[in-house]
PDB file of N, CA and C in Angstrom:
ATOM      1  N   MET A   1      19.352 -63.582 -28.779  1.00  0.00           N
ATOM      2  CA  MET A   1      19.040 -63.277 -27.395  1.00  0.00           C
ATOM      3  C   MET A   1      18.161 -62.025 -27.363  1.00  0.00           C
ATOM      4  N   LYS A   2      17.227 -62.005 -26.463  1.00  0.00           N
ATOM      5  CA  LYS A   2      16.320 -60.871 -26.349  1.00  0.00           C
ATOM      6  C   LYS A   2      17.022 -59.664 -25.741  1.00  0.00           C
ATOM      7  N   VAL A   3      16.479 -58.494 -26.021  1.00  0.00           N
ATOM      8  CA  VAL A   3      17.047 -57.247 -25.515  1.00  0.00           C
ATOM      9  C   VAL A   3      17.102 -57.273 -23.987  1.00  0.00           C
ATOM     10  N   GLU A   4      16.056 -57.774 -23.355  1.00  0.00           N
ATOM     11  CA  GLU A   4      16.022 -57.821 -21.889  1.00  0.00           C
ATOM     12  C   GLU A   4      17.127 -58.712 -21.332  1.00  0.00           C
ATOM     13  N   GLU A   5      17.390 -59.833 -22.014  1.00  0.00           N
ATOM     14  CA  GLU A   5      18.447 -60.745 -21.580  1.00  0.00           C
ATOM     15  C   GLU A   5      19.827 -60.111 -21.755  1.00  0.00           C
ATOM     16  N   LEU A   6      20.016 -59.419 -22.870  1.00  0.00           N
ATOM     17  CA  LEU A   6      21.292 -58.742 -23.112  1.00  0.00           C
ATOM     18  C   LEU A   6      21.533 -57.649 -22.075  1.00  0.00           C
ATOM     19  N   THR A   7      20.493 -56.881 -21.788  1.00  0.00           N
ATOM     20  CA  THR A   7      20.605 -55.820 -20.793  1.00  0.00           C
ATOM     21  C   THR A   7      20.966 -56.401 -19.434  1.00  0.00           C
ATOM     22  N   ALA A   8      20.292 -57.477 -19.039  1.00  0.00           N
ATOM     23  CA  ALA A   8      20.571 -58.116 -17.756  1.00  0.00           C
ATOM     24  C   ALA A   8      21.999 -58.644 -17.714  1.00  0.00           C
ATOM     25  N   LYS A   9      22.477 -59.192 -18.832  1.00  0.00           N
ATOM     26  CA  LYS A   9      23.845 -59.718 -18.902  1.00  0.00           C
ATOM     27  C   LYS A   9      24.872 -58.609 -18.680  1.00  0.00           C
ATOM     28  N   VAL A  10      24.686 -57.496 -19.371  1.00  0.00           N
ATOM     29  CA  VAL A  10      25.627 -56.381 -19.242  1.00  0.00           C
ATOM     30  C   VAL A  10      25.634 -55.843 -17.817  1.00  0.00           C
ATOM     31  N   LEU A  11      24.452 -55.641 -17.260  1.00  0.00           N
ATOM     32  CA  LEU A  11      24.361 -55.063 -15.913  1.00  0.00           C
ATOM     33  C   LEU A  11      24.883 -56.032 -14.849  1.00  0.00           C
ATOM     34  N   GLU A  12      24.731 -57.323 -15.091  1.00  0.00           N
ATOM     35  CA  GLU A  12      25.248 -58.321 -14.145  1.00  0.00           C
ATOM     36  C   GLU A  12      26.772 -58.362 -14.171  1.00  0.00           C
ATOM     37  N   GLU A  13      27.332 -58.258 -15.356  1.00  0.00           N
ATOM     38  CA  GLU A  13      28.787 -58.311 -15.506  1.00  0.00           C
ATOM     39  C   GLU A  13      29.466 -56.994 -15.128  1.00  0.00           C
ATOM     40  N   ASN A  14      28.702 -55.915 -15.055  1.00  0.00           N
ATOM     41  CA  ASN A  14      29.232 -54.591 -14.719  1.00  0.00           C
ATOM     42  C   ASN A  14      28.397 -53.978 -13.604  1.00  0.00           C
ATOM     43  N   PRO A  15      28.588 -54.438 -12.367  1.00  0.00           N
ATOM     44  CA  PRO A  15      27.736 -53.955 -11.272  1.00  0.00           C
ATOM     45  C   PRO A  15      27.876 -52.461 -10.978  1.00  0.00           C
ATOM     46  N   GLN A  16      28.955 -51.838 -11.428  1.00  0.00           N
ATOM     47  CA  GLN A  16      29.144 -50.412 -11.199  1.00  0.00           C
ATOM     48  C   GLN A  16      28.376 -49.560 -12.201  1.00  0.00           C
ATOM     49  N   MET A  17      27.763 -50.199 -13.213  1.00  0.00           N
ATOM     50  CA  MET A  17      27.004 -49.489 -14.237  1.00  0.00           C
ATOM     51  C   MET A  17      25.511 -49.658 -13.948  1.00  0.00           C
ATOM     52  N   ASP A  18      24.750 -48.577 -14.103  1.00  0.00           N
ATOM     53  CA  ASP A  18      23.302 -48.716 -13.960  1.00  0.00           C
ATOM     54  C   ASP A  18      22.647 -48.649 -15.336  1.00  0.00           C
ATOM     55  N   ARG A  19      21.355 -48.871 -15.385  1.00  0.00           N
ATOM     56  CA  ARG A  19      20.667 -48.961 -16.677  1.00  0.00           C
ATOM     57  C   ARG A  19      20.664 -47.646 -17.441  1.00  0.00           C
ATOM     58  N   TYR A  20      20.735 -46.539 -16.744  1.00  0.00           N
ATOM     59  CA  TYR A  20      20.759 -45.240 -17.421  1.00  0.00           C
ATOM     60  C   TYR A  20      22.110 -45.020 -18.112  1.00  0.00           C
ATOM     61  N   GLN A  21      23.168 -45.410 -17.450  1.00  0.00           N
ATOM     62  CA  GLN A  21      24.498 -45.304 -18.047  1.00  0.00           C
ATOM     63  C   GLN A  21      24.612 -46.238 -19.254  1.00  0.00           C
ATOM     64  N   LEU A  22      24.023 -47.422 -19.135  1.00  0.00           N
ATOM     65  CA  LEU A  22      24.011 -48.357 -20.257  1.00  0.00           C
ATOM     66  C   LEU A  22      23.238 -47.764 -21.430  1.00  0.00           C
ATOM     67  N   ALA A  23      22.134 -47.119 -21.151  1.00  0.00           N
ATOM     68  CA  ALA A  23      21.340 -46.503 -22.213  1.00  0.00           C
ATOM     69  C   ALA A  23      22.144 -45.433 -22.948  1.00  0.00           C
ATOM     70  N   ILE A  24      22.926 -44.664 -22.223  1.00  0.00           N
ATOM     71  CA  ILE A  24      23.772 -43.643 -22.844  1.00  0.00           C
ATOM     72  C   ILE A  24      24.837 -44.292 -23.719  1.00  0.00           C
ATOM     73  N   ALA A  25      25.448 -45.370 -23.215  1.00  0.00           N
ATOM     74  CA  ALA A  25      26.478 -46.074 -23.986  1.00  0.00           C
ATOM     75  C   ALA A  25      25.886 -46.670 -25.263  1.00  0.00           C
ATOM     76  N   VAL A  26      24.712 -47.272 -25.163  1.00  0.00           N
ATOM     77  CA  VAL A  26      24.049 -47.844 -26.340  1.00  0.00           C
ATOM     78  C   VAL A  26      23.714 -46.733 -27.326  1.00  0.00           C
ATOM     79  N   SER A  27      23.257 -45.604 -26.827  1.00  0.00           N
ATOM     80  CA  SER A  27      22.916 -44.482 -27.686  1.00  0.00           C
ATOM     81  C   SER A  27      24.130 -43.970 -28.456  1.00  0.00           C
ATOM     82  N   LYS A  28      25.244 -43.827 -27.777  1.00  0.00           N
ATOM     83  CA  LYS A  28      26.461 -43.342 -28.440  1.00  0.00           C
ATOM     84  C   LYS A  28      26.938 -44.314 -29.506  1.00  0.00           C
ATOM     85  N   ARG A  29      26.897 -45.624 -29.188  1.00  0.00           N
ATOM     86  CA  ARG A  29      27.331 -46.618 -30.165  1.00  0.00           C
ATOM     87  C   ARG A  29      26.351 -46.686 -31.339  1.00  0.00           C
ATOM     88  N   THR A  30      25.071 -46.524 -31.052  1.00  0.00           N
ATOM     89  CA  THR A  30      24.064 -46.506 -32.118  1.00  0.00           C
ATOM     90  C   THR A  30      24.330 -45.356 -33.077  1.00  0.00           C
ATOM     91  N   ASP A  31      24.651 -44.186 -32.542  1.00  0.00           N
ATOM     92  CA  ASP A  31      24.989 -43.037 -33.391  1.00  0.00           C
ATOM     93  C   ASP A  31      26.183 -43.355 -34.284  1.00  0.00           C
ATOM     94  N   GLU A  32      27.197 -44.006 -33.713  1.00  0.00           N
ATOM     95  CA  GLU A  32      28.373 -44.375 -34.504  1.00  0.00           C
ATOM     96  C   GLU A  32      27.995 -45.323 -35.644  1.00  0.00           C
ATOM     97  N   LEU A  33      27.171 -46.327 -35.325  1.00  0.00           N
ATOM     98  CA  LEU A  33      26.753 -47.287 -36.343  1.00  0.00           C
ATOM     99  C   LEU A  33      25.914 -46.616 -37.426  1.00  0.00           C
ATOM    100  N   GLU A  34      25.038 -45.714 -37.024  1.00  0.00           N
ATOM    101  CA  GLU A  34      24.188 -45.004 -37.985  1.00  0.00           C
ATOM    102  C   GLU A  34      24.996 -44.080 -38.882  1.00  0.00           C
ATOM    103  N   ASN A  35      26.156 -43.630 -38.393  1.00  0.00           N
ATOM    104  CA  ASN A  35      27.006 -42.722 -39.162  1.00  0.00           C
ATOM    105  C   ASN A  35      28.118 -43.445 -39.910  1.00  0.00           C
ATOM    106  N   GLY A  36      27.969 -44.765 -40.080  1.00  0.00           N
ATOM    107  CA  GLY A  36      28.883 -45.487 -40.951  1.00  0.00           C
ATOM    108  C   GLY A  36      29.899 -46.386 -40.297  1.00  0.00           C
ATOM    109  N   ALA A  37      29.964 -46.451 -38.989  1.00  0.00           N
ATOM    110  CA  ALA A  37      30.914 -47.351 -38.338  1.00  0.00           C
ATOM    111  C   ALA A  37      30.510 -48.793 -38.631  1.00  0.00           C
ATOM    112  N   SER A  38      31.509 -49.644 -38.795  1.00  0.00           N
ATOM    113  CA  SER A  38      31.194 -51.049 -39.062  1.00  0.00           C
ATOM    114  C   SER A  38      31.035 -51.801 -37.738  1.00  0.00           C
ATOM    115  N   SER A  39      30.207 -52.818 -37.783  1.00  0.00           N
ATOM    116  CA  SER A  39      29.934 -53.621 -36.590  1.00  0.00           C
ATOM    117  C   SER A  39      31.142 -54.492 -36.259  1.00  0.00           C
ATOM    118  N   LYS A  40      31.342 -54.729 -35.000  1.00  0.00           N
ATOM    119  CA  LYS A  40      32.426 -55.582 -34.553  1.00  0.00           C
ATOM    120  C   LYS A  40      31.970 -57.031 -34.406  1.00  0.00           C
ATOM    121  N   LEU A  41      30.688 -57.286 -34.663  1.00  0.00           N
ATOM    122  CA  LEU A  41      30.149 -58.639 -34.611  1.00  0.00           C
ATOM    123  C   LEU A  41      30.272 -59.300 -35.971  1.00  0.00           C
ATOM    124  N   SER A  42      30.454 -60.596 -35.976  1.00  0.00           N
ATOM    125  CA  SER A  42      30.549 -61.321 -37.240  1.00  0.00           C
ATOM    126  C   SER A  42      29.204 -61.975 -37.559  1.00  0.00           C
ATOM    127  N   VAL A  43      28.184 -61.148 -37.712  1.00  0.00           N
ATOM    128  CA  VAL A  43      26.841 -61.607 -38.074  1.00  0.00           C
ATOM    129  C   VAL A  43      26.327 -60.739 -39.209  1.00  0.00           C
ATOM    130  N   ASN A  44      25.303 -61.233 -39.887  1.00  0.00           N
ATOM    131  CA  ASN A  44      24.659 -60.441 -40.928  1.00  0.00           C
ATOM    132  C   ASN A  44      23.848 -59.347 -40.250  1.00  0.00           C
ATOM    133  N   THR A  45      24.230 -58.121 -40.439  1.00  0.00           N
ATOM    134  CA  THR A  45      23.617 -57.000 -39.732  1.00  0.00           C
ATOM    135  C   THR A  45      22.533 -56.299 -40.534  1.00  0.00           C
ATOM    136  N   ASN A  46      22.157 -56.852 -41.676  1.00  0.00           N
ATOM    137  CA  ASN A  46      21.166 -56.195 -42.535  1.00  0.00           C
ATOM    138  C   ASN A  46      19.796 -56.079 -41.891  1.00  0.00           C
ATOM    139  N   HIS A  47      19.401 -57.048 -41.074  1.00  0.00           N
ATOM    140  CA  HIS A  47      18.052 -57.055 -40.507  1.00  0.00           C
ATOM    141  C   HIS A  47      18.058 -56.831 -39.006  1.00  0.00           C
ATOM    142  N   ILE A  48      19.115 -56.235 -38.482  1.00  0.00           N
ATOM    143  CA  ILE A  48      19.217 -55.961 -37.051  1.00  0.00           C
ATOM    144  C   ILE A  48      19.234 -54.444 -36.864  1.00  0.00           C
ATOM    145  N   LYS A  49      18.415 -53.965 -35.969  1.00  0.00           N
ATOM    146  CA  LYS A  49      18.379 -52.532 -35.677  1.00  0.00           C
ATOM    147  C   LYS A  49      19.711 -52.103 -35.072  1.00  0.00           C
ATOM    148  N   SER A  50      20.103 -50.874 -35.329  1.00  0.00           N
ATOM    149  CA  SER A  50      21.385 -50.362 -34.840  1.00  0.00           C
ATOM    150  C   SER A  50      21.472 -50.390 -33.317  1.00  0.00           C
ATOM    151  N   ALA A  51      20.385 -50.066 -32.636  1.00  0.00           N
ATOM    152  CA  ALA A  51      20.396 -50.069 -31.172  1.00  0.00           C
ATOM    153  C   ALA A  51      20.574 -51.486 -30.633  1.00  0.00           C
ATOM    154  N   ASP A  52      19.926 -52.472 -31.258  1.00  0.00           N
ATOM    155  CA  ASP A  52      20.088 -53.864 -30.834  1.00  0.00           C
ATOM    156  C   ASP A  52      21.514 -54.328 -31.091  1.00  0.00           C
ATOM    157  N   LEU A  53      22.059 -53.927 -32.217  1.00  0.00           N
ATOM    158  CA  LEU A  53      23.430 -54.290 -32.561  1.00  0.00           C
ATOM    159  C   LEU A  53      24.415 -53.687 -31.558  1.00  0.00           C
ATOM    160  N   ALA A  54      24.196 -52.429 -31.195  1.00  0.00           N
ATOM    161  CA  ALA A  54      25.060 -51.764 -30.217  1.00  0.00           C
ATOM    162  C   ALA A  54      25.006 -52.488 -28.876  1.00  0.00           C
ATOM    163  N   LEU A  55      23.806 -52.862 -28.434  1.00  0.00           N
ATOM    164  CA  LEU A  55      23.665 -53.583 -27.167  1.00  0.00           C
ATOM    165  C   LEU A  55      24.341 -54.948 -27.240  1.00  0.00           C
ATOM    166  N   MET A  56      24.227 -55.634 -28.375  1.00  0.00           N
ATOM    167  CA  MET A  56      24.877 -56.937 -28.536  1.00  0.00           C
ATOM    168  C   MET A  56      26.394 -56.787 -28.465  1.00  0.00           C
ATOM    169  N   GLU A  57      26.937 -55.751 -29.080  1.00  0.00           N
ATOM    170  CA  GLU A  57      28.388 -55.521 -29.035  1.00  0.00           C
ATOM    171  C   GLU A  57      28.856 -55.260 -27.607  1.00  0.00           C
ATOM    172  N   ILE A  58      28.109 -54.484 -26.869  1.00  0.00           N
ATOM    173  CA  ILE A  58      28.475 -54.188 -25.484  1.00  0.00           C
ATOM    174  C   ILE A  58      28.375 -55.449 -24.632  1.00  0.00           C
ATOM    175  N   ALA A  59      27.318 -56.237 -24.834  1.00  0.00           N
ATOM    176  CA  ALA A  59      27.125 -57.471 -24.071  1.00  0.00           C
ATOM    177  C   ALA A  59      28.231 -58.483 -24.334  1.00  0.00           C
ATOM    178  N   GLU A  60      28.731 -58.518 -25.560  1.00  0.00           N
ATOM    179  CA  GLU A  60      29.799 -59.456 -25.908  1.00  0.00           C
ATOM    180  C   GLU A  60      31.182 -58.939 -25.497  1.00  0.00           C
ATOM    181  N   GLY A  61      31.242 -57.718 -25.009  1.00  0.00           N
ATOM    182  CA  GLY A  61      32.518 -57.158 -24.580  1.00  0.00           C
ATOM    183  C   GLY A  61      33.358 -56.609 -25.719  1.00  0.00           C
ATOM    184  N   LEU A  62      32.762 -56.454 -26.874  1.00  0.00           N
ATOM    185  CA  LEU A  62      33.494 -55.928 -28.026  1.00  0.00           C
ATOM    186  C   LEU A  62      33.626 -54.417 -27.971  1.00  0.00           C
ATOM    187  N   ILE A  63      32.728 -53.778 -27.244  1.00  0.00           N
ATOM    188  CA  ILE A  63      32.763 -52.335 -27.033  1.00  0.00           C
ATOM    189  C   ILE A  63      32.986 -52.108 -25.544  1.00  0.00           C
ATOM    190  N   VAL A  64      34.024 -51.386 -25.219  1.00  0.00           N
ATOM    191  CA  VAL A  64      34.330 -51.095 -23.822  1.00  0.00           C
ATOM    192  C   VAL A  64      33.748 -49.734 -23.476  1.00  0.00           C
ATOM    193  N   VAL A  65      32.970 -49.704 -22.425  1.00  0.00           N
ATOM    194  CA  VAL A  65      32.372 -48.456 -21.961  1.00  0.00           C
ATOM    195  C   VAL A  65      33.336 -47.855 -20.945  1.00  0.00           C
ATOM    196  N   LYS A  66      33.976 -46.773 -21.311  1.00  0.00           N
ATOM    197  CA  LYS A  66      34.990 -46.165 -20.450  1.00  0.00           C
ATOM    198  C   LYS A  66      34.389 -45.744 -19.113  1.00  0.00           C
ATOM    199  N   GLY A  67      35.116 -46.029 -18.058  1.00  0.00           N
ATOM    200  CA  GLY A  67      34.676 -45.663 -16.722  1.00  0.00           C
ATOM    201  C   GLY A  67      33.842 -46.725 -16.041  1.00  0.00           C
ATOM    202  N   PHE A  68      33.426 -47.755 -16.790  1.00  0.00           N
ATOM    203  CA  PHE A  68      32.570 -48.782 -16.208  1.00  0.00           C
ATOM    204  C   PHE A  68      33.140 -50.175 -16.387  1.00  0.00           C
ATOM    205  N   VAL A  69      34.410 -50.288 -16.681  1.00  0.00           N
ATOM    206  CA  VAL A  69      35.026 -51.576 -16.855  1.00  0.00           C
ATOM    207  C   VAL A  69      35.480 -52.070 -15.491  1.00  0.00           C
ATOM    208  N   ALA A  70      35.064 -53.279 -15.154  1.00  0.00           N
ATOM    209  CA  ALA A  70      35.456 -53.863 -13.876  1.00  0.00           C
ATOM    210  C   ALA A  70      36.947 -54.172 -13.892  1.00  0.00           C
ATOM    211  N   LYS A  71      37.629 -53.841 -12.830  1.00  0.00           N
ATOM    212  CA  LYS A  71      39.051 -54.114 -12.728  1.00  0.00           C
ATOM    213  C   LYS A  71      39.234 -55.582 -12.364  1.00  0.00           C
ATOM    214  N   LYS A  72      40.134 -56.233 -13.082  1.00  0.00           N
ATOM    215  CA  LYS A  72      40.393 -57.658 -12.827  1.00  0.00           C
ATOM    216  C   LYS A  72      41.332 -57.789 -11.647  1.00  0.00           C
ATOM    217  N   GLU A  73      41.030 -58.761 -10.811  1.00  0.00           N
ATOM    218  CA  GLU A  73      41.875 -58.991  -9.646  1.00  0.00           C
ATOM    219  C   GLU A  73      43.101 -59.785 -10.068  1.00  0.00           C
ATOM    220  N   LYS A  74      44.206 -59.517  -9.401  1.00  0.00           N
ATOM    221  CA  LYS A  74      45.458 -60.222  -9.729  1.00  0.00           C
ATOM    222  C   LYS A  74      45.562 -61.499  -8.942  1.00  0.00           C
TER     223      LYS A  74
END
């Protein structure tokens, strides 16, 4: 999936988050990945940039961005 599609998916699923907040979340996760954190995705990550990987993890819901998680209705 393209970066633009992933970004749109995240922002659509989290209406309380804006693109600047998403950029900060991707940046923080990218730093973690660059400093040795393992990916939560089950894909070959050798040829994927850390920032793209971070965005994919957030889009798949594997990384929760604190303060921007939509509350589920009962």
